Amino acid sequence: MSRQNYMFTSESVSEGHPDKVCDRISDAILDSFLAEEPTARVACETMATSGMVVVGGEVGLSDQERLKDYMGRISQIARDCIKDIGYEQEQFHWNTLHVLNFLHEQSAHIAQGVNASENKDEGAGDQGIMFGYAVNETPELMPAPIQYSHAILRRLAEARKSGAEPTLRPDAKSQLSVRYEDGKPVEVTSIVLSTQHESVEQTSDDIRAIVEPYIREVLPDSWITPQTEWHVNPTGTFVIGGPDGDAGLTGRKIIVDTYGGAAPHGGGAFSGKDPTKVDRSAAYAARYLAKNIVAAGMAERCTLQISYAIGVAKPLSIYADLHGTGQVHESEVEAAIAKVMDLSPRGIREHLGLNKPIYERTAAYGHFGREATNDGGFSWERLDLVEALKKAV
């Protein structure tokens, strides 16, 4: 029996956090390639520091001459991302920073394992383990601490970009400690919010006066109590932010991107990777299946693990854990999964429609717990497998 009464903490970081700036650029480059060619291969990494962005990794288009021409677009893609995020600092300005592009053609040795041929289907882009998770403690079937940590920063970004809060700046972090009673979230015991701001004259109290109404707006009624501890800009001044204050790198916020530590993580980052990379696509599929399992009433909480070998199409294993909340046995869930979805890399891509430019929007505020959109974005959040799963058990 799992614990029913406890506290759990998760953090989120804003789109202006140095690592998220890099995730955004990597995913924008991916989207640009997929818009050009849906089967483009991209494994893009970005590093950002004071006055500089460095892009590297492997890319591939069917026409090599077109690929060479395409490289000239990379600098502008990076600048457009940084401009939209809002960086116009003296040492990190979208228009004056240096962008170095070291992207190169995908390794032929990797391609031979991934590409389909006459005698084999498309294989996984790497070995590894991927996890998916869902729990019925929020409407989005996400863990409450990470879901609301994201919501706080997203709301503050909206207020900043709309001009409602002109003294806020892009870099920010949030953290919520949530108390659970009988397995359900009931209150926030502490709120940590650090946000970059305009002037050294602004105090922590000044910043709290700005952000507190937005925090109260997004958290459920009654979760903030007189006993809730507030730590807003606890170090005092936070004017120097973003890559000018701390270097950023693609893929360093994998727990922020997923479940805030409430579920296992296989270790692979998502951003900058095309959907042949099962680090990304199979993690999306696992979330999709876990969410539909919980929505189908089979369990209140579900963790799925899927494993792969590079170049091999069929997953090596499927594991389900219903954490003692299941209405059916885990082995029945595992068998049902195999019936309702093809978990080969090709099967995942086709089922979820992943060969589209839908990834830049995932780079901040979480890859999960978002709303599926008509253009195919966040397709892994759909609840269209519920009936099929019920019939399969």
Protein backbone atom coordinates (compact mmCIF):
# COMPACT_ATOMS: atom_id res chain seq x y z
CA MET A 1 0.00 0.00 0.00
CA SER A 2 1.47 3.35 -1.00
CA ARG A 3 1.63 6.26 1.44
CA GLN A 4 -1.55 8.30 1.70
CA ASN A 5 -0.45 11.24 3.86
CA TYR A 6 2.72 13.09 2.85
CA MET A 7 4.20 16.20 1.22
CA PHE A 8 5.66 16.27 -2.29
CA THR A 9 7.54 19.06 -4.06
CA SER A 10 8.10 19.83 -7.76
CA GLU A 11 9.67 22.77 -9.58
CA SER A 12 9.21 24.41 -12.96
CA VAL A 13 11.30 26.93 -14.88
CA SER A 14 10.15 29.61 -17.29
CA GLU A 15 10.72 29.93 -21.02
CA GLY A 16 13.46 32.45 -20.21
CA HIS A 17 15.48 30.04 -18.07
CA PRO A 18 18.83 29.44 -19.83
CA ASP A 19 18.19 25.73 -20.38
CA LYS A 20 14.71 26.42 -21.71
CA VAL A 21 16.04 29.04 -24.13
CA CYS A 22 18.20 26.24 -25.53
CA ASP A 23 15.33 23.76 -25.64
CA ARG A 24 13.25 26.33 -27.51
CA ILE A 25 15.92 26.95 -30.14
CA SER A 26 16.55 23.22 -30.64
CA ASP A 27 12.83 22.50 -31.08
CA ALA A 28 12.35 25.50 -33.38
CA ILE A 29 15.13 24.17 -35.60
CA LEU A 30 13.45 20.74 -35.54
CA ASP A 31 10.11 22.27 -36.54
CA SER A 32 11.76 24.16 -39.36
CA PHE A 33 13.23 20.97 -40.79
CA LEU A 34 9.97 19.02 -40.41
CA ALA A 35 8.07 21.81 -42.18
CA GLU A 36 10.55 21.46 -45.03
CA GLU A 37 10.39 17.64 -45.08
CA PRO A 38 8.26 15.53 -42.69
CA THR A 39 10.85 12.73 -42.65
CA ALA A 40 13.79 15.03 -41.88
CA ARG A 41 16.26 13.75 -39.32
CA VAL A 42 17.26 16.11 -36.53
CA ALA A 43 19.25 15.68 -33.34
CA CYS A 44 20.01 19.27 -32.38
CA GLU A 45 21.73 20.63 -29.27
CA THR A 46 22.02 24.27 -28.25
CA MET A 47 24.29 25.98 -25.74
CA ALA A 48 23.78 29.59 -24.67
CA THR A 49 25.97 31.90 -22.63
CA SER A 50 26.64 35.61 -22.38
CA GLY A 51 26.35 37.11 -25.85
CA MET A 52 26.51 33.78 -27.66
CA VAL A 53 24.45 30.81 -28.86
CA VAL A 54 26.12 27.65 -30.20
CA VAL A 55 24.11 25.07 -32.17
CA GLY A 56 25.40 21.59 -33.00
CA GLY A 57 24.27 18.09 -33.79
CA GLU A 58 23.12 15.98 -36.71
CA VAL A 59 20.51 16.73 -39.37
CA GLY A 60 19.40 15.17 -42.62
CA LEU A 61 17.23 15.95 -45.64
CA SER A 62 16.74 13.77 -48.71
CA ASP A 63 18.42 16.41 -50.90
CA GLN A 64 21.93 17.26 -49.72
CA GLU A 65 22.16 20.46 -51.74
CA ARG A 66 18.94 21.67 -50.14
CA LEU A 67 20.42 20.79 -46.75
CA LYS A 68 23.44 23.01 -47.39
CA ASP A 69 21.18 25.90 -48.37
CA TYR A 70 19.05 25.34 -45.29
CA MET A 71 21.93 25.88 -42.89
CA GLY A 72 21.76 29.61 -43.58
CA ARG A 73 18.44 29.83 -41.75
CA ILE A 74 19.71 28.60 -38.38
CA SER A 75 20.94 31.94 -37.04
CA GLN A 76 17.63 33.68 -37.72
CA ILE A 77 15.65 30.85 -36.12
CA ALA A 78 17.68 31.27 -32.92
CA ARG A 79 17.28 35.06 -32.94
CA ASP A 80 13.53 34.82 -33.48
CA CYS A 81 13.17 32.48 -30.48
CA ILE A 82 15.18 34.77 -28.21
CA LYS A 83 13.25 37.83 -29.38
CA ASP A 84 9.91 36.15 -28.65
CA ILE A 85 11.09 35.06 -25.19
CA GLY A 86 11.93 38.70 -24.52
CA TYR A 87 15.70 39.02 -24.13
CA GLU A 88 17.03 42.48 -24.95
CA GLN A 89 19.72 42.70 -22.27
CA GLU A 90 23.02 44.39 -23.00
CA GLN A 91 24.90 41.07 -22.75
CA PHE A 92 22.16 38.89 -24.25
CA HIS A 93 20.18 40.64 -26.96
CA TRP A 94 18.50 38.78 -29.80
CA ASN A 95 19.81 41.22 -32.38
CA THR A 96 23.45 41.51 -31.30
CA LEU A 97 24.46 38.09 -29.94
CA HIS A 98 26.67 35.71 -31.94
CA VAL A 99 25.14 32.49 -33.31
CA LEU A 100 27.58 29.71 -34.21
CA ASN A 101 26.18 26.82 -36.26
CA PHE A 102 27.96 23.44 -36.14
CA LEU A 103 25.12 21.24 -37.40
CA HIS A 104 26.26 18.48 -39.76
CA GLU A 105 24.85 15.51 -41.65
CA GLN A 106 23.51 12.54 -39.68
CA SER A 107 25.91 9.61 -39.22
CA ALA A 108 25.44 6.92 -41.87
CA HIS A 109 25.98 4.27 -39.18
CA ILE A 110 23.02 5.57 -37.17
CA ALA A 111 20.91 5.98 -40.30
CA GLN A 112 21.43 2.36 -41.34
CA GLY A 113 19.87 1.16 -38.09
CA VAL A 114 16.95 3.57 -38.17
CA ASN A 115 16.02 3.55 -41.85
CA ALA A 116 13.59 0.99 -43.23
CA SER A 117 14.89 -1.33 -45.95
CA GLU A 118 13.62 -4.25 -48.02
CA ASN A 119 14.09 -6.77 -45.23
CA LYS A 120 13.37 -4.69 -42.11
CA ASP A 121 11.04 -2.04 -40.76
CA GLU A 122 12.23 1.29 -39.40
CA GLY A 123 14.20 0.68 -36.21
CA ALA A 124 14.44 2.62 -32.97
CA GLY A 125 16.87 5.55 -33.07
CA ASP A 126 18.58 4.36 -29.89
CA GLN A 127 18.40 1.83 -27.10
CA GLY A 128 16.79 2.90 -23.85
CA ILE A 129 13.88 2.89 -21.45
CA MET A 130 10.98 5.34 -21.59
CA PHE A 131 8.31 6.01 -18.97
CA GLY A 132 4.78 7.35 -19.07
CA TYR A 133 2.64 8.35 -16.11
CA ALA A 134 -0.85 9.52 -15.26
CA VAL A 135 -2.73 10.10 -12.01
CA ASN A 136 -6.25 11.33 -11.32
CA GLU A 137 -5.36 14.19 -8.96
CA THR A 138 -5.81 16.99 -11.54
CA PRO A 139 -8.19 17.40 -14.50
CA GLU A 140 -5.21 16.87 -16.82
CA LEU A 141 -4.38 13.58 -15.05
CA MET A 142 -1.03 15.02 -13.99
CA PRO A 143 0.71 15.26 -10.60
CA ALA A 144 -0.50 18.46 -8.94
CA PRO A 145 2.87 19.93 -7.85
CA ILE A 146 4.37 20.06 -11.35
CA GLN A 147 1.12 20.97 -13.10
CA TYR A 148 0.54 24.03 -10.94
CA SER A 149 4.21 25.01 -10.88
CA HIS A 150 3.97 25.23 -14.68
CA ALA A 151 0.68 27.14 -14.46
CA ILE A 152 2.19 29.84 -12.25
CA LEU A 153 5.06 30.57 -14.62
CA ARG A 154 2.87 30.42 -17.71
CA ARG A 155 0.52 32.99 -16.17
CA LEU A 156 3.39 35.28 -15.20
CA ALA A 157 4.78 35.05 -18.73
CA GLU A 158 1.39 36.06 -20.10
CA ALA A 159 1.28 39.07 -17.78
CA ARG A 160 4.83 40.07 -18.73
CA LYS A 161 4.30 39.77 -22.47
CA SER A 162 0.94 41.54 -22.43
CA GLY A 163 2.50 44.57 -20.76
CA ALA A 164 0.42 44.14 -17.61
CA GLU A 165 3.62 43.62 -15.58
CA PRO A 166 6.34 45.58 -17.40
CA THR A 167 8.98 45.17 -14.68
CA LEU A 168 9.08 41.37 -14.89
CA ARG A 169 11.78 39.76 -17.03
CA PRO A 170 11.96 36.36 -18.78
CA ASP A 171 13.99 34.20 -16.36
CA ALA A 172 11.99 32.60 -13.52
CA LYS A 173 11.58 29.48 -11.41
CA SER A 174 8.68 28.20 -9.31
CA GLN A 175 8.42 25.42 -6.74
CA LEU A 176 5.42 24.07 -4.86
CA SER A 177 5.31 21.77 -1.85
CA VAL A 178 1.90 20.12 -1.72
CA ARG A 179 0.40 18.22 1.20
CA TYR A 180 -1.51 15.05 0.42
CA GLU A 181 -4.24 13.60 2.60
CA ASP A 182 -5.71 10.18 1.83
CA GLY A 183 -3.67 10.23 -1.37
CA LYS A 184 -5.16 13.49 -2.68
CA PRO A 185 -3.60 16.99 -2.80
CA VAL A 186 -5.27 19.31 -0.29
CA GLU A 187 -3.01 22.32 0.33
CA VAL A 188 0.22 24.06 -0.59
CA THR A 189 2.59 24.19 2.37
CA SER A 190 5.22 26.35 0.66
CA ILE A 191 5.58 28.46 -2.47
CA VAL A 192 8.98 29.39 -3.89
CA LEU A 193 9.06 31.90 -6.74
CA SER A 194 12.16 33.58 -8.10
CA THR A 195 11.73 35.90 -11.05
CA GLN A 196 14.06 38.21 -12.88
CA HIS A 197 12.98 41.85 -12.63
CA GLU A 198 13.84 45.27 -13.96
CA SER A 199 15.53 47.24 -11.20
CA VAL A 200 17.88 46.69 -8.27
CA GLU A 201 15.60 49.07 -6.38
CA GLN A 202 12.83 46.46 -6.33
CA THR A 203 12.76 44.41 -3.12
CA SER A 204 11.51 40.89 -2.51
CA ASP A 205 8.36 42.42 -1.01
CA ASP A 206 7.85 44.48 -4.17
CA ILE A 207 8.11 41.36 -6.32
CA ARG A 208 5.75 39.43 -4.07
CA ALA A 209 3.16 42.19 -4.43
CA ILE A 210 3.39 41.75 -8.21
CA VAL A 211 3.30 37.95 -8.43
CA GLU A 212 1.03 36.93 -5.55
CA PRO A 213 -2.28 37.78 -7.26
CA TYR A 214 -1.32 35.65 -10.27
CA ILE A 215 -0.26 32.74 -8.08
CA ARG A 216 -3.56 32.87 -6.17
CA GLU A 217 -5.40 33.05 -9.50
CA VAL A 218 -4.04 29.75 -10.82
CA LEU A 219 -3.99 27.62 -7.66
CA PRO A 220 -7.19 25.83 -6.55
CA ASP A 221 -9.35 27.57 -4.00
CA SER A 222 -8.36 26.89 -0.37
CA TRP A 223 -4.94 25.46 -1.23
CA ILE A 224 -3.21 28.59 0.03
CA THR A 225 -3.74 28.87 3.79
CA PRO A 226 -2.48 31.23 6.54
CA GLN A 227 0.18 28.58 7.24
CA THR A 228 1.53 28.55 3.66
CA GLU A 229 5.17 29.67 3.58
CA TRP A 230 6.12 32.18 0.87
CA HIS A 231 9.66 32.58 -0.47
CA VAL A 232 9.59 35.16 -3.27
CA ASN A 233 13.00 36.17 -4.65
CA PRO A 234 14.60 34.93 -1.42
CA THR A 235 18.10 36.07 -2.46
CA GLY A 236 16.86 39.64 -2.90
CA THR A 237 17.95 41.08 -6.27
CA PHE A 238 17.53 39.12 -9.53
CA VAL A 239 18.22 41.55 -12.36
CA ILE A 240 20.92 39.68 -14.28
CA GLY A 241 19.20 36.62 -15.70
CA GLY A 242 19.06 34.19 -18.59
CA PRO A 243 22.21 32.97 -20.34
CA ASP A 244 24.01 36.15 -19.26
CA GLY A 245 23.75 34.99 -15.65
CA ASP A 246 24.07 31.21 -16.13
CA ALA A 247 24.90 29.14 -19.21
CA GLY A 248 22.12 27.04 -20.71
CA LEU A 249 22.07 23.69 -22.50
CA THR A 250 19.44 21.65 -24.30
CA GLY A 251 18.06 18.72 -22.32
CA ARG A 252 19.01 19.65 -18.76
CA LYS A 253 15.45 19.99 -17.46
CA ILE A 254 14.08 16.49 -18.09
CA ILE A 255 12.22 16.28 -14.76
CA VAL A 256 10.63 19.70 -15.32
CA ASP A 257 9.65 18.48 -18.80
CA THR A 258 7.88 15.36 -17.50
CA TYR A 259 6.33 14.68 -14.08
CA GLY A 260 8.30 16.77 -11.60
CA GLY A 261 9.87 13.71 -10.01
CA ALA A 262 6.57 11.98 -9.28
CA ALA A 263 7.40 9.21 -11.77
CA PRO A 264 10.57 7.51 -13.04
CA HIS A 265 12.49 8.91 -16.00
CA GLY A 266 14.49 6.88 -18.50
CA GLY A 267 17.14 9.59 -18.75
CA GLY A 268 16.70 10.76 -22.33
CA ALA A 269 15.87 14.39 -23.12
CA PHE A 270 13.21 15.36 -25.66
CA SER A 271 14.00 18.72 -27.25
CA GLY A 272 15.73 18.88 -30.61
CA LYS A 273 15.01 15.24 -31.47
CA ASP A 274 12.88 14.11 -34.42
CA PRO A 275 10.27 11.39 -33.74
CA THR A 276 12.45 8.49 -34.93
CA LYS A 277 14.23 9.04 -31.60
CA VAL A 278 12.29 6.89 -29.15
CA ASP A 279 13.66 8.95 -26.26
CA ARG A 280 10.97 11.37 -27.34
CA SER A 281 8.31 9.50 -29.30
CA ALA A 282 8.06 6.46 -27.02
CA ALA A 283 7.89 8.67 -23.92
CA TYR A 284 4.98 10.46 -25.59
CA ALA A 285 3.34 7.11 -26.41
CA ALA A 286 3.79 5.91 -22.83
CA ARG A 287 2.14 9.07 -21.47
CA TYR A 288 -0.69 8.68 -24.01
CA LEU A 289 -1.36 5.10 -22.94
CA ALA A 290 -1.05 5.80 -19.21
CA LYS A 291 -3.45 8.73 -19.47
CA ASN A 292 -6.03 6.67 -21.36
CA ILE A 293 -5.70 3.82 -18.86
CA VAL A 294 -6.49 6.16 -15.96
CA ALA A 295 -9.27 7.88 -17.92
CA ALA A 296 -10.78 4.46 -18.66
CA GLY A 297 -11.13 3.84 -14.91
CA MET A 298 -8.70 0.94 -14.90
CA ALA A 299 -6.61 2.63 -12.20
CA GLU A 300 -6.25 5.89 -10.29
CA ARG A 301 -2.54 5.94 -11.05
CA CYS A 302 -0.46 4.31 -13.75
CA THR A 303 3.23 4.08 -14.62
CA LEU A 304 4.31 2.46 -17.88
CA GLN A 305 7.79 1.49 -19.03
CA ILE A 306 8.73 0.62 -22.63
CA SER A 307 12.21 -0.45 -23.74
CA TYR A 308 13.96 -0.52 -27.12
CA ALA A 309 17.18 -1.56 -28.88
CA ILE A 310 18.73 0.62 -31.59
CA GLY A 311 17.73 -0.51 -35.06
CA VAL A 312 15.02 -2.87 -33.75
CA ALA A 313 11.38 -2.02 -34.45
CA LYS A 314 9.56 -4.07 -31.82
CA PRO A 315 9.79 -2.91 -28.20
CA LEU A 316 11.72 -5.32 -26.00
CA SER A 317 9.36 -5.02 -23.04
CA ILE A 318 6.20 -3.35 -21.76
CA TYR A 319 5.74 -2.97 -18.00
CA ALA A 320 2.77 -1.53 -16.12
CA ASP A 321 2.48 -0.54 -12.47
CA LEU A 322 -0.94 0.53 -11.17
CA HIS A 323 0.37 1.28 -7.67
CA GLY A 324 -2.29 -0.77 -5.92
CA THR A 325 -5.11 1.26 -7.47
CA GLY A 326 -5.94 -1.05 -10.36
CA GLN A 327 -9.40 -2.38 -11.20
CA VAL A 328 -7.69 -4.96 -13.41
CA HIS A 329 -4.37 -6.80 -13.11
CA GLU A 330 -1.21 -5.24 -14.52
CA SER A 331 -0.69 -8.20 -16.84
CA GLU A 332 -4.09 -7.51 -18.42
CA VAL A 333 -3.11 -3.89 -18.98
CA GLU A 334 0.17 -4.93 -20.61
CA ALA A 335 -1.66 -7.31 -22.93
CA ALA A 336 -4.27 -4.66 -23.79
CA ILE A 337 -1.59 -2.11 -24.68
CA ALA A 338 -0.14 -4.46 -27.29
CA LYS A 339 -3.62 -4.87 -28.82
CA VAL A 340 -4.58 -1.20 -29.11
CA MET A 341 -1.34 0.44 -30.30
CA ASP A 342 1.62 -0.45 -32.48
CA LEU A 343 4.61 0.62 -30.40
CA SER A 344 7.19 0.33 -33.15
CA PRO A 345 8.80 3.69 -33.98
CA ARG A 346 6.80 3.85 -37.21
CA GLY A 347 3.59 2.84 -35.42
CA ILE A 348 4.01 5.55 -32.80
CA ARG A 349 4.79 8.24 -35.36
CA GLU A 350 1.79 7.37 -37.49
CA HIS A 351 -0.67 6.87 -34.63
CA LEU A 352 0.21 10.18 -32.97
CA GLY A 353 0.98 12.10 -36.18
CA LEU A 354 4.43 13.13 -35.01
CA ASN A 355 6.06 14.06 -38.34
CA LYS A 356 4.79 17.62 -38.10
CA PRO A 357 6.26 20.95 -36.91
CA ILE A 358 4.58 20.73 -33.49
CA TYR A 359 7.53 20.76 -31.10
CA GLU A 360 8.60 24.34 -30.40
CA ARG A 361 5.51 24.82 -28.23
CA THR A 362 6.56 21.88 -26.02
CA ALA A 363 9.86 23.49 -25.02
CA ALA A 364 8.49 25.33 -21.95
CA TYR A 365 5.86 24.57 -19.29
CA GLY A 366 5.95 20.79 -19.74
CA HIS A 367 5.46 18.26 -22.50
CA PHE A 368 2.52 16.68 -20.66
CA GLY A 369 -0.71 17.92 -19.12
CA ARG A 370 -1.33 20.21 -22.10
CA GLU A 371 -4.35 20.44 -24.39
CA ALA A 372 -4.30 18.60 -27.72
CA THR A 373 -4.70 21.03 -30.63
CA ASN A 374 -6.36 20.77 -34.02
CA ASP A 375 -3.05 20.95 -35.89
CA GLY A 376 -1.76 17.82 -34.15
CA GLY A 377 0.08 19.46 -31.27
CA PHE A 378 0.13 17.46 -28.02
CA SER A 379 -1.61 14.56 -29.77
CA TRP A 380 -0.35 12.31 -26.96
CA GLU A 381 -2.77 14.07 -24.61
CA ARG A 382 -5.85 12.83 -26.48
CA LEU A 383 -8.27 10.43 -24.75
CA ASP A 384 -9.29 8.47 -27.83
CA LEU A 385 -8.10 5.02 -26.66
CA VAL A 386 -10.42 4.72 -23.68
CA GLU A 387 -13.04 2.51 -25.32
CA ALA A 388 -10.47 0.38 -27.14
CA LEU A 389 -8.65 -0.31 -23.87
CA LYS A 390 -11.88 -1.24 -22.10
CA LYS A 391 -12.70 -3.74 -24.83
CA ALA A 392 -9.20 -5.20 -24.80
CA VAL A 393 -9.20 -6.30 -21.13
